[in-house]
Amino acid sequence: MAVETLISIEEYLDTSYSPDREYRDGVLVERNVGDEAHSRLQALLAAYLVGCRKEWNMEPYLSLRVKVRDQWYPIPDVCIYTLPDFEGRYPERPPLLWIEILSHDDRMVDVWAKANELIENGVPYVWIIDPNTLESELRTAGGVQPVADKTLRIPDTPIVIPLADVMEQ
């Protein structure tokens, strides 16, 4: 039986881990590390979003520690904050969009549970993407919907992310 060592939030936030780990209720949680397809999609999405940031009035971030609730700092692959941006080193409010790019070792039941908990804690949109097929789904408080034509559209915003175009950059 494994024994988990509890650490404080202060220690977690002041320590660098390689690869980075999430923090949940005093315990460090390992993240699945991405492979080539995961890493490439993450980089290309970031580049695409940086190019749209002024037009969309938002700021994208990669692998940012986000305080979603007391004692829980999960890390999205990519996230988008509308402006005005958060203050401080780590945001204490949820992003508009949380992007999870699947890794080879991810278990879908775990990814879905995390997405549901993110939504329960105020993240309006969680986009889960398979980097090999570009098939994806958008999870919201209203339910789950497949992303048609591999293009994410966030309602009532100018945000439109066509994965096929992103991958051709």
N, C-alpha and C. Protein backbone atom coordinates (compact mmCIF):
# COMPACT_ATOMS: atom_id res chain seq x y z
N MET A 1 0.84 -1.18 0.00
CA MET A 1 0.00 0.00 0.00
C MET A 1 0.88 1.24 0.00
N ALA A 2 0.61 2.17 -0.91
CA ALA A 2 1.40 3.40 -1.00
C ALA A 2 0.97 4.37 0.09
N VAL A 3 1.93 5.09 0.60
CA VAL A 3 1.67 6.10 1.61
C VAL A 3 1.90 7.45 0.96
N GLU A 4 0.91 8.34 1.06
CA GLU A 4 1.02 9.66 0.47
C GLU A 4 1.50 10.65 1.53
N THR A 5 2.42 11.51 1.14
CA THR A 5 2.92 12.53 2.04
C THR A 5 2.15 13.81 1.77
N LEU A 6 1.57 14.38 2.82
CA LEU A 6 0.84 15.63 2.66
C LEU A 6 1.82 16.79 2.65
N ILE A 7 1.58 17.75 1.75
CA ILE A 7 2.37 18.97 1.72
C ILE A 7 1.42 20.16 1.75
N SER A 8 1.93 21.29 2.13
CA SER A 8 1.11 22.50 2.20
C SER A 8 0.97 23.12 0.81
N ILE A 9 -0.03 23.93 0.66
CA ILE A 9 -0.21 24.67 -0.60
C ILE A 9 1.00 25.56 -0.84
N GLU A 10 1.49 26.21 0.21
CA GLU A 10 2.64 27.10 0.07
C GLU A 10 3.86 26.36 -0.47
N GLU A 11 4.12 25.16 0.07
CA GLU A 11 5.24 24.37 -0.41
C GLU A 11 5.04 23.99 -1.88
N TYR A 12 3.82 23.56 -2.23
CA TYR A 12 3.53 23.19 -3.60
C TYR A 12 3.77 24.37 -4.55
N LEU A 13 3.23 25.53 -4.21
CA LEU A 13 3.33 26.69 -5.10
C LEU A 13 4.76 27.24 -5.19
N ASP A 14 5.58 26.95 -4.21
CA ASP A 14 6.96 27.43 -4.22
C ASP A 14 7.96 26.39 -4.73
N THR A 15 7.46 25.25 -5.23
CA THR A 15 8.34 24.18 -5.68
C THR A 15 8.09 23.87 -7.15
N SER A 16 9.17 23.66 -7.89
CA SER A 16 9.06 23.23 -9.28
C SER A 16 9.23 21.72 -9.33
N TYR A 17 8.39 21.08 -10.13
CA TYR A 17 8.46 19.64 -10.32
C TYR A 17 8.67 19.37 -11.81
N SER A 18 9.37 18.30 -12.11
CA SER A 18 9.60 17.96 -13.51
C SER A 18 9.31 16.47 -13.72
N PRO A 19 8.22 16.19 -14.43
CA PRO A 19 7.22 17.12 -14.94
C PRO A 19 6.37 17.68 -13.80
N ASP A 20 5.67 18.78 -14.09
CA ASP A 20 4.86 19.43 -13.06
C ASP A 20 3.78 18.48 -12.57
N ARG A 21 3.33 18.69 -11.36
CA ARG A 21 2.29 17.87 -10.76
C ARG A 21 1.15 18.76 -10.31
N GLU A 22 -0.03 18.18 -10.27
CA GLU A 22 -1.19 18.88 -9.73
C GLU A 22 -1.21 18.71 -8.22
N TYR A 23 -1.99 19.56 -7.57
CA TYR A 23 -2.12 19.51 -6.11
C TYR A 23 -3.59 19.28 -5.77
N ARG A 24 -3.84 18.26 -4.94
CA ARG A 24 -5.21 17.96 -4.57
C ARG A 24 -5.26 17.54 -3.11
N ASP A 25 -5.88 18.40 -2.31
CA ASP A 25 -6.11 18.09 -0.90
C ASP A 25 -4.84 17.64 -0.17
N GLY A 26 -3.74 18.37 -0.41
CA GLY A 26 -2.49 18.10 0.29
C GLY A 26 -1.59 17.07 -0.36
N VAL A 27 -2.03 16.49 -1.47
CA VAL A 27 -1.27 15.41 -2.13
C VAL A 27 -0.86 15.86 -3.53
N LEU A 28 0.37 15.53 -3.92
CA LEU A 28 0.82 15.77 -5.28
C LEU A 28 0.24 14.69 -6.18
N VAL A 29 -0.29 15.10 -7.33
CA VAL A 29 -0.91 14.17 -8.27
C VAL A 29 -0.12 14.23 -9.57
N GLU A 30 0.40 13.07 -9.99
CA GLU A 30 1.15 13.01 -11.24
C GLU A 30 0.21 13.22 -12.42
N ARG A 31 0.74 13.85 -13.46
CA ARG A 31 0.02 14.03 -14.71
C ARG A 31 0.65 13.13 -15.75
N ASN A 32 -0.17 12.63 -16.66
CA ASN A 32 0.38 11.86 -17.76
C ASN A 32 1.12 12.82 -18.68
N VAL A 33 2.33 12.45 -19.03
CA VAL A 33 3.16 13.29 -19.88
C VAL A 33 2.82 13.00 -21.33
N GLY A 34 2.71 14.04 -22.10
CA GLY A 34 2.32 13.90 -23.49
C GLY A 34 3.42 13.35 -24.37
N ASP A 35 3.00 12.74 -25.45
CA ASP A 35 3.93 12.24 -26.45
C ASP A 35 4.03 13.27 -27.58
N GLU A 36 4.58 12.86 -28.71
CA GLU A 36 4.79 13.79 -29.83
C GLU A 36 3.49 14.42 -30.29
N ALA A 37 2.44 13.63 -30.49
CA ALA A 37 1.16 14.18 -30.99
C ALA A 37 0.57 15.17 -29.99
N HIS A 38 0.62 14.82 -28.72
CA HIS A 38 0.11 15.70 -27.66
C HIS A 38 0.89 17.02 -27.64
N SER A 39 2.21 16.91 -27.61
CA SER A 39 3.06 18.08 -27.52
C SER A 39 2.91 18.99 -28.74
N ARG A 40 2.84 18.38 -29.91
CA ARG A 40 2.70 19.17 -31.15
C ARG A 40 1.38 19.93 -31.16
N LEU A 41 0.28 19.26 -30.81
CA LEU A 41 -1.02 19.94 -30.79
C LEU A 41 -1.02 21.05 -29.75
N GLN A 42 -0.43 20.80 -28.60
CA GLN A 42 -0.38 21.83 -27.55
C GLN A 42 0.38 23.07 -28.06
N ALA A 43 1.51 22.85 -28.69
CA ALA A 43 2.31 23.97 -29.20
C ALA A 43 1.58 24.73 -30.30
N LEU A 44 0.97 23.99 -31.23
CA LEU A 44 0.27 24.65 -32.34
C LEU A 44 -0.98 25.39 -31.87
N LEU A 45 -1.69 24.81 -30.91
CA LEU A 45 -2.85 25.52 -30.33
C LEU A 45 -2.40 26.82 -29.66
N ALA A 46 -1.33 26.75 -28.91
CA ALA A 46 -0.81 27.94 -28.23
C ALA A 46 -0.45 29.02 -29.25
N ALA A 47 0.24 28.63 -30.31
CA ALA A 47 0.63 29.60 -31.34
C ALA A 47 -0.61 30.23 -31.99
N TYR A 48 -1.59 29.40 -32.30
CA TYR A 48 -2.83 29.90 -32.91
C TYR A 48 -3.52 30.90 -31.98
N LEU A 49 -3.63 30.52 -30.71
CA LEU A 49 -4.33 31.38 -29.74
C LEU A 49 -3.59 32.68 -29.49
N VAL A 50 -2.29 32.64 -29.46
CA VAL A 50 -1.51 33.88 -29.29
C VAL A 50 -1.81 34.83 -30.44
N GLY A 51 -1.95 34.29 -31.64
CA GLY A 51 -2.26 35.12 -32.80
C GLY A 51 -3.65 35.75 -32.75
N CYS A 52 -4.54 35.19 -31.95
CA CYS A 52 -5.92 35.69 -31.86
C CYS A 52 -6.19 36.49 -30.59
N ARG A 53 -5.22 36.59 -29.72
CA ARG A 53 -5.49 37.12 -28.38
C ARG A 53 -6.03 38.55 -28.36
N LYS A 54 -5.51 39.43 -29.18
CA LYS A 54 -6.01 40.81 -29.18
C LYS A 54 -7.42 40.88 -29.77
N GLU A 55 -7.62 40.18 -30.87
CA GLU A 55 -8.94 40.18 -31.52
C GLU A 55 -10.01 39.59 -30.60
N TRP A 56 -9.67 38.57 -29.86
CA TRP A 56 -10.63 37.89 -28.98
C TRP A 56 -10.63 38.43 -27.56
N ASN A 57 -9.75 39.38 -27.25
CA ASN A 57 -9.68 39.98 -25.92
C ASN A 57 -9.48 38.93 -24.84
N MET A 58 -8.47 38.10 -25.05
CA MET A 58 -8.18 37.02 -24.11
C MET A 58 -6.70 36.75 -24.07
N GLU A 59 -6.30 35.92 -23.11
CA GLU A 59 -4.90 35.53 -22.98
C GLU A 59 -4.84 34.01 -22.82
N PRO A 60 -4.05 33.32 -23.66
CA PRO A 60 -3.89 31.87 -23.51
C PRO A 60 -2.72 31.53 -22.59
N TYR A 61 -2.81 30.39 -21.93
CA TYR A 61 -1.74 29.90 -21.06
C TYR A 61 -1.55 28.41 -21.27
N LEU A 62 -0.31 27.96 -21.11
CA LEU A 62 0.03 26.54 -21.18
C LEU A 62 0.40 26.04 -19.79
N SER A 63 -0.12 24.88 -19.43
CA SER A 63 0.30 24.18 -18.21
C SER A 63 0.38 25.10 -16.99
N LEU A 64 -0.65 25.88 -16.78
CA LEU A 64 -0.72 26.85 -15.69
C LEU A 64 -1.40 26.21 -14.47
N ARG A 65 -0.81 26.36 -13.32
CA ARG A 65 -1.46 25.91 -12.09
C ARG A 65 -2.63 26.84 -11.80
N VAL A 66 -3.83 26.27 -11.71
CA VAL A 66 -5.05 27.06 -11.52
C VAL A 66 -5.74 26.63 -10.23
N LYS A 67 -6.04 27.59 -9.37
CA LYS A 67 -6.81 27.27 -8.17
C LYS A 67 -8.28 27.19 -8.56
N VAL A 68 -8.79 25.97 -8.61
CA VAL A 68 -10.18 25.76 -9.00
C VAL A 68 -11.09 25.79 -7.77
N ARG A 69 -10.56 25.30 -6.66
CA ARG A 69 -11.25 25.36 -5.37
C ARG A 69 -10.18 25.26 -4.29
N ASP A 70 -10.56 25.50 -3.05
CA ASP A 70 -9.60 25.34 -1.96
C ASP A 70 -9.01 23.94 -2.03
N GLN A 71 -7.72 23.86 -1.92
CA GLN A 71 -6.99 22.59 -1.88
C GLN A 71 -6.93 21.84 -3.22
N TRP A 72 -7.27 22.50 -4.34
CA TRP A 72 -7.15 21.81 -5.63
C TRP A 72 -6.60 22.76 -6.68
N TYR A 73 -5.41 22.44 -7.17
CA TYR A 73 -4.74 23.16 -8.25
C TYR A 73 -4.48 22.20 -9.40
N PRO A 74 -5.46 21.97 -10.26
CA PRO A 74 -5.20 21.16 -11.45
C PRO A 74 -4.47 22.00 -12.50
N ILE A 75 -3.95 21.34 -13.52
CA ILE A 75 -3.16 22.01 -14.56
C ILE A 75 -3.73 21.66 -15.93
N PRO A 76 -4.27 22.65 -16.64
CA PRO A 76 -4.75 22.36 -18.01
C PRO A 76 -3.58 22.28 -18.97
N ASP A 77 -3.79 21.59 -20.08
CA ASP A 77 -2.78 21.63 -21.13
C ASP A 77 -2.71 23.04 -21.70
N VAL A 78 -3.87 23.61 -21.97
CA VAL A 78 -4.00 24.98 -22.45
C VAL A 78 -5.26 25.55 -21.81
N CYS A 79 -5.25 26.84 -21.51
CA CYS A 79 -6.49 27.48 -21.05
C CYS A 79 -6.53 28.91 -21.58
N ILE A 80 -7.74 29.47 -21.56
CA ILE A 80 -7.95 30.83 -22.05
C ILE A 80 -8.64 31.63 -20.95
N TYR A 81 -8.05 32.78 -20.64
CA TYR A 81 -8.66 33.74 -19.73
C TYR A 81 -9.09 34.97 -20.52
N THR A 82 -10.32 35.39 -20.32
CA THR A 82 -10.76 36.64 -20.93
C THR A 82 -10.14 37.79 -20.15
N LEU A 83 -9.99 38.90 -20.81
CA LEU A 83 -9.41 40.08 -20.16
C LEU A 83 -10.51 40.91 -19.52
N PRO A 84 -10.28 41.54 -18.39
CA PRO A 84 -8.97 41.67 -17.77
C PRO A 84 -8.51 40.34 -17.19
N ASP A 85 -7.19 40.18 -17.24
CA ASP A 85 -6.55 38.94 -16.83
C ASP A 85 -6.58 38.80 -15.31
N PHE A 86 -6.20 37.64 -14.83
CA PHE A 86 -6.12 37.41 -13.39
C PHE A 86 -4.89 38.14 -12.84
N GLU A 87 -4.86 38.30 -11.52
CA GLU A 87 -3.72 38.94 -10.87
C GLU A 87 -2.94 37.88 -10.10
N GLY A 88 -1.65 38.12 -9.90
CA GLY A 88 -0.82 37.21 -9.13
C GLY A 88 -0.18 36.15 -9.99
N ARG A 89 0.57 35.26 -9.33
CA ARG A 89 1.28 34.19 -10.04
C ARG A 89 0.35 33.12 -10.56
N TYR A 90 -0.69 32.83 -9.78
CA TYR A 90 -1.61 31.75 -10.13
C TYR A 90 -3.04 32.26 -10.02
N PRO A 91 -3.85 31.96 -11.02
CA PRO A 91 -5.23 32.45 -10.99
C PRO A 91 -6.05 31.77 -9.89
N GLU A 92 -6.96 32.55 -9.32
CA GLU A 92 -7.86 32.02 -8.32
C GLU A 92 -9.30 32.06 -8.81
N ARG A 93 -9.44 32.19 -10.11
CA ARG A 93 -10.75 32.08 -10.75
C ARG A 93 -10.59 31.18 -11.96
N PRO A 94 -11.64 30.48 -12.33
CA PRO A 94 -11.51 29.55 -13.46
C PRO A 94 -11.37 30.27 -14.80
N PRO A 95 -10.70 29.63 -15.74
CA PRO A 95 -10.61 30.19 -17.09
C PRO A 95 -11.93 30.02 -17.82
N LEU A 96 -12.09 30.76 -18.91
CA LEU A 96 -13.26 30.59 -19.77
C LEU A 96 -13.23 29.21 -20.43
N LEU A 97 -12.06 28.82 -20.91
CA LEU A 97 -11.91 27.55 -21.63
C LEU A 97 -10.74 26.78 -21.06
N TRP A 98 -11.00 25.52 -20.74
CA TRP A 98 -9.98 24.58 -20.24
C TRP A 98 -9.81 23.52 -21.32
N ILE A 99 -8.59 23.34 -21.81
CA ILE A 99 -8.33 22.38 -22.87
C ILE A 99 -7.50 21.22 -22.34
N GLU A 100 -8.04 20.03 -22.48
CA GLU A 100 -7.33 18.79 -22.12
C GLU A 100 -7.03 18.05 -23.42
N ILE A 101 -5.75 17.85 -23.68
CA ILE A 101 -5.30 17.07 -24.83
C ILE A 101 -4.98 15.68 -24.30
N LEU A 102 -5.61 14.68 -24.86
CA LEU A 102 -5.43 13.34 -24.35
C LEU A 102 -4.00 12.85 -24.55
N SER A 103 -3.52 12.12 -23.55
CA SER A 103 -2.23 11.46 -23.61
C SER A 103 -2.46 9.96 -23.74
N HIS A 104 -1.47 9.26 -24.20
CA HIS A 104 -1.58 7.82 -24.42
C HIS A 104 -2.06 7.08 -23.17
N ASP A 105 -1.60 7.49 -22.00
CA ASP A 105 -1.92 6.79 -20.76
C ASP A 105 -3.19 7.28 -20.07
N ASP A 106 -3.87 8.26 -20.64
CA ASP A 106 -5.11 8.76 -20.01
C ASP A 106 -6.19 7.70 -20.04
N ARG A 107 -6.93 7.61 -18.96
CA ARG A 107 -8.14 6.78 -18.91
C ARG A 107 -9.32 7.71 -19.05
N MET A 108 -10.18 7.45 -20.02
CA MET A 108 -11.28 8.37 -20.31
C MET A 108 -12.17 8.59 -19.09
N VAL A 109 -12.40 7.57 -18.30
CA VAL A 109 -13.25 7.74 -17.13
C VAL A 109 -12.65 8.79 -16.19
N ASP A 110 -11.32 8.82 -16.07
CA ASP A 110 -10.66 9.83 -15.23
C ASP A 110 -10.73 11.22 -15.85
N VAL A 111 -10.53 11.30 -17.16
CA VAL A 111 -10.61 12.58 -17.87
C VAL A 111 -12.01 13.16 -17.74
N TRP A 112 -13.03 12.33 -17.94
CA TRP A 112 -14.41 12.81 -17.82
C TRP A 112 -14.74 13.24 -16.40
N ALA A 113 -14.27 12.50 -15.41
CA ALA A 113 -14.53 12.86 -14.01
C ALA A 113 -13.89 14.20 -13.69
N LYS A 114 -12.66 14.40 -14.14
CA LYS A 114 -11.98 15.68 -13.91
C LYS A 114 -12.73 16.81 -14.60
N ALA A 115 -13.14 16.60 -15.85
CA ALA A 115 -13.87 17.63 -16.59
C ALA A 115 -15.17 17.99 -15.87
N ASN A 116 -15.88 16.99 -15.41
CA ASN A 116 -17.13 17.26 -14.69
C ASN A 116 -16.89 18.05 -13.41
N GLU A 117 -15.82 17.71 -12.70
CA GLU A 117 -15.51 18.44 -11.47
C GLU A 117 -15.07 19.88 -11.78
N LEU A 118 -14.34 20.07 -12.87
CA LEU A 118 -13.97 21.43 -13.27
C LEU A 118 -15.22 22.27 -13.52
N ILE A 119 -16.19 21.68 -14.22
CA ILE A 119 -17.43 22.39 -14.53
C ILE A 119 -18.20 22.70 -13.24
N GLU A 120 -18.27 21.73 -12.34
CA GLU A 120 -18.95 21.95 -11.06
C GLU A 120 -18.31 23.08 -10.26
N ASN A 121 -17.03 23.35 -10.51
CA ASN A 121 -16.31 24.39 -9.80
C ASN A 121 -16.13 25.66 -10.61
N GLY A 122 -16.95 25.84 -11.64
CA GLY A 122 -17.00 27.13 -12.32
C GLY A 122 -16.34 27.26 -13.66
N VAL A 123 -15.70 26.23 -14.18
CA VAL A 123 -15.12 26.33 -15.53
C VAL A 123 -16.27 26.15 -16.52
N PRO A 124 -16.58 27.17 -17.33
CA PRO A 124 -17.74 27.05 -18.21
C PRO A 124 -17.57 26.06 -19.36
N TYR A 125 -16.34 25.95 -19.90
CA TYR A 125 -16.11 25.10 -21.07
C TYR A 125 -14.86 24.26 -20.87
N VAL A 126 -15.01 22.94 -21.05
CA VAL A 126 -13.87 22.02 -21.02
C VAL A 126 -13.86 21.28 -22.36
N TRP A 127 -12.78 21.47 -23.10
CA TRP A 127 -12.64 20.88 -24.43
C TRP A 127 -11.63 19.74 -24.33
N ILE A 128 -12.05 18.55 -24.67
CA ILE A 128 -11.20 17.36 -24.62
C ILE A 128 -10.90 16.93 -26.06
N ILE A 129 -9.61 16.85 -26.39
CA ILE A 129 -9.20 16.60 -27.77
C ILE A 129 -8.30 15.37 -27.85
N ASP A 130 -8.58 14.49 -28.81
CA ASP A 130 -7.68 13.39 -29.14
C ASP A 130 -6.68 13.95 -30.16
N PRO A 131 -5.39 14.03 -29.81
CA PRO A 131 -4.43 14.66 -30.72
C PRO A 131 -4.12 13.84 -31.97
N ASN A 132 -4.47 12.57 -31.96
CA ASN A 132 -4.19 11.73 -33.13
C ASN A 132 -5.28 11.82 -34.19
N THR A 133 -6.53 11.96 -33.77
CA THR A 133 -7.64 12.00 -34.73
C THR A 133 -8.26 13.39 -34.86
N LEU A 134 -7.99 14.25 -33.88
CA LEU A 134 -8.58 15.58 -33.74
C LEU A 134 -10.08 15.52 -33.44
N GLU A 135 -10.58 14.33 -33.13
CA GLU A 135 -11.95 14.22 -32.63
C GLU A 135 -11.96 14.84 -31.25
N SER A 136 -13.07 15.51 -30.92
CA SER A 136 -13.11 16.18 -29.62
C SER A 136 -14.55 16.35 -29.16
N GLU A 137 -14.65 16.72 -27.87
CA GLU A 137 -15.96 16.99 -27.29
C GLU A 137 -15.84 18.20 -26.39
N LEU A 138 -16.95 18.91 -26.26
CA LEU A 138 -17.02 20.07 -25.39
C LEU A 138 -17.97 19.74 -24.26
N ARG A 139 -17.49 19.91 -23.04
CA ARG A 139 -18.30 19.65 -21.85
C ARG A 139 -18.64 20.99 -21.21
N THR A 140 -19.91 21.13 -20.85
CA THR A 140 -20.41 22.32 -20.18
C THR A 140 -21.40 21.88 -19.10
N ALA A 141 -21.90 22.84 -18.35
CA ALA A 141 -22.92 22.52 -17.35
C ALA A 141 -24.17 21.96 -18.03
N GLY A 142 -24.36 22.25 -19.31
CA GLY A 142 -25.51 21.77 -20.05
C GLY A 142 -25.35 20.37 -20.63
N GLY A 143 -24.16 19.80 -20.50
CA GLY A 143 -23.94 18.45 -21.01
C GLY A 143 -22.70 18.34 -21.88
N VAL A 144 -22.69 17.31 -22.69
CA VAL A 144 -21.54 16.99 -23.54
C VAL A 144 -22.00 17.03 -24.99
N GLN A 145 -21.16 17.63 -25.84
CA GLN A 145 -21.49 17.64 -27.26
C GLN A 145 -20.22 17.42 -28.08
N PRO A 146 -20.31 16.57 -29.10
CA PRO A 146 -19.15 16.41 -29.97
C PRO A 146 -18.91 17.72 -30.72
N VAL A 147 -17.67 17.99 -31.03
CA VAL A 147 -17.33 19.22 -31.75
C VAL A 147 -17.40 18.91 -33.24
N ALA A 148 -18.41 19.48 -33.87
CA ALA A 148 -18.66 19.23 -35.29
C ALA A 148 -17.54 19.83 -36.14
N ASP A 149 -17.25 19.22 -37.21
CA ASP A 149 -16.27 19.63 -38.22
C ASP A 149 -14.91 20.04 -37.62
N LYS A 150 -14.60 19.47 -36.46
CA LYS A 150 -13.30 19.70 -35.79
C LYS A 150 -13.03 21.19 -35.56
N THR A 151 -14.10 21.95 -35.36
CA THR A 151 -13.98 23.39 -35.12
C THR A 151 -14.75 23.76 -33.86
N LEU A 152 -14.03 24.24 -32.86
CA LEU A 152 -14.67 24.67 -31.62
C LEU A 152 -15.20 26.08 -31.77
N ARG A 153 -16.43 26.27 -31.36
CA ARG A 153 -17.05 27.59 -31.34
C ARG A 153 -17.60 27.82 -29.93
N ILE A 154 -17.11 28.87 -29.26
CA ILE A 154 -17.60 29.19 -27.92
C ILE A 154 -18.75 30.19 -28.09
N PRO A 155 -19.95 29.81 -27.65
CA PRO A 155 -21.12 30.69 -27.82
C PRO A 155 -20.89 32.08 -27.20
N ASP A 156 -21.47 33.07 -27.86
CA ASP A 156 -21.45 34.46 -27.39
C ASP A 156 -20.04 35.02 -27.26
N THR A 157 -19.09 34.46 -28.00
CA THR A 157 -17.73 34.99 -28.05
C THR A 157 -17.26 34.91 -29.50
N PRO A 158 -16.19 35.61 -29.83
CA PRO A 158 -15.63 35.48 -31.18
C PRO A 158 -14.73 34.25 -31.34
N ILE A 159 -14.61 33.43 -30.29
CA ILE A 159 -13.67 32.32 -30.29
C ILE A 159 -14.14 31.19 -31.21
N VAL A 160 -13.35 30.94 -32.24
CA VAL A 160 -13.55 29.84 -33.18
C VAL A 160 -12.17 29.23 -33.42
N ILE A 161 -12.04 27.93 -33.12
CA ILE A 161 -10.74 27.28 -33.25
C ILE A 161 -10.87 26.08 -34.19
N PRO A 162 -10.47 26.25 -35.45
CA PRO A 162 -10.52 25.15 -36.43
C PRO A 162 -9.26 24.29 -36.33
N LEU A 163 -9.41 23.10 -35.77
CA LEU A 163 -8.24 22.25 -35.53
C LEU A 163 -7.47 21.91 -36.81
N ALA A 164 -8.18 21.72 -37.91
CA ALA A 164 -7.48 21.41 -39.17
C ALA A 164 -6.55 22.56 -39.55
N ASP A 165 -7.00 23.79 -39.42
CA ASP A 165 -6.15 24.96 -39.72
C ASP A 165 -5.01 25.08 -38.71
N VAL A 166 -5.31 24.82 -37.45
CA VAL A 166 -4.28 24.89 -36.41
C VAL A 166 -3.15 23.92 -36.75
N MET A 167 -3.48 22.73 -37.18
CA MET A 167 -2.47 21.70 -37.45
C MET A 167 -1.66 22.00 -38.72
N GLU A 168 -2.16 22.88 -39.59
CA GLU A 168 -1.44 23.22 -40.81
C GLU A 168 -0.47 24.38 -40.63
N GLN A 169 -0.44 24.96 -39.46
CA GLN A 169 0.47 26.10 -39.20
C GLN A 169 1.91 25.70 -39.42
